Protein backbone atom coordinates (compact mmCIF):
# COMPACT_ATOMS: atom_id res chain seq x y z
CA MET A 1 -0.46 -37.67 40.25
CA THR A 2 0.33 -41.20 41.00
CA LYS A 3 3.80 -42.19 41.74
CA PHE A 4 5.57 -44.70 39.76
CA LYS A 5 8.70 -46.80 39.70
CA PHE A 6 10.50 -48.76 37.48
CA GLN A 7 12.21 -52.18 37.89
CA ILE A 8 14.32 -54.53 35.25
CA ALA A 9 13.17 -58.07 35.10
CA SER A 10 14.76 -60.79 33.02
CA ASP A 11 12.54 -63.41 31.36
CA ILE A 12 14.22 -66.76 30.38
CA VAL A 13 11.06 -68.23 28.81
CA ARG A 14 10.50 -65.25 26.64
CA ASP A 15 14.23 -65.00 26.10
CA GLY A 16 14.88 -61.17 26.84
CA LEU A 17 15.02 -58.39 29.25
CA GLY A 18 11.92 -55.79 30.47
CA VAL A 19 11.63 -52.58 32.14
CA GLU A 20 8.32 -52.88 34.48
CA LEU A 21 6.41 -49.57 35.38
CA LEU A 22 5.06 -50.25 39.05
CA ASP A 23 2.33 -48.52 40.41
CA ALA A 24 2.23 -47.31 44.30
CA GLU A 25 1.25 -50.74 45.54
CA ASN A 26 4.19 -52.35 43.35
CA ASN A 27 1.62 -53.91 40.75
CA VAL A 28 3.12 -54.01 37.37
CA VAL A 29 0.93 -51.83 34.86
CA ALA A 30 2.99 -51.81 32.12
CA GLU A 31 6.29 -52.91 30.33
CA VAL A 32 8.75 -52.57 27.68
CA PHE A 33 10.06 -55.89 26.63
CA ARG A 34 13.15 -56.45 24.38
CA CYS A 35 13.12 -60.10 22.91
CA ASP A 36 16.75 -61.29 22.22
CA ARG A 37 15.57 -64.03 20.17
CA ASP A 38 13.82 -62.12 17.26
CA HIS A 39 15.26 -58.54 17.95
CA THR A 40 11.67 -57.12 18.76
CA ILE A 41 10.42 -54.63 21.45
CA VAL A 42 7.11 -54.58 22.77
CA VAL A 43 5.17 -52.12 25.04
CA ASN A 44 2.39 -53.74 27.03
CA THR A 45 0.04 -51.81 29.34
CA PHE A 46 -2.03 -55.05 30.31
CA GLY A 47 -5.17 -53.28 29.71
CA ASN A 48 -4.31 -50.41 32.20
CA ASP A 49 -5.12 -46.85 31.46
CA ILE A 50 -1.42 -45.09 31.77
CA LEU A 51 -0.83 -41.37 31.82
CA ILE A 52 1.26 -40.32 29.09
CA GLN A 53 3.87 -38.77 31.55
CA ALA A 54 4.37 -42.35 32.91
CA ILE A 55 4.61 -43.98 29.22
CA ARG A 56 7.30 -41.41 28.19
CA GLN A 57 9.25 -42.18 30.92
CA LEU A 58 8.86 -45.48 30.58
CA LEU A 59 9.94 -45.35 27.02
CA GLU A 60 12.86 -42.95 28.13
CA CYS A 61 14.15 -45.73 30.72
CA ALA A 62 13.86 -48.38 28.81
CA SER A 63 15.83 -46.92 25.58
CA VAL A 64 18.88 -46.52 27.98
CA ARG A 65 18.62 -49.71 30.23
CA LEU A 66 17.48 -52.21 27.32
CA ASP A 67 19.95 -51.17 24.80
CA PRO A 68 21.95 -52.94 23.31
CA PHE A 69 20.27 -56.49 22.43
CA GLU A 70 22.22 -59.46 24.35
CA ASP A 71 24.25 -59.93 20.75
CA GLY A 72 25.39 -56.38 20.82
CA THR A 73 22.90 -55.11 18.16
CA SER A 74 21.35 -51.49 18.50
CA LEU A 75 17.64 -51.23 19.64
CA ASP A 76 17.61 -48.95 16.50
CA GLN A 77 17.86 -51.94 14.59
CA ALA A 78 14.74 -53.86 16.38
CA ARG A 79 12.02 -55.22 14.18
């Protein structure tokens, strides 16, 4: 099984915060991005095939690390 790790990345252009899934070579292969401007959450795999176990771990990590939005709104209220 491929080893994955996570990192948190701030993006001022997109006005938000993301949890990125990195492969063994430290390439970003997927992300969950929280946009503070419009209260949306998007999952992007950048066209990569990702194992379901890795996606589950990414979503779990994101639900903890990205909550709440910058203004205090819970992720449960995302659009």
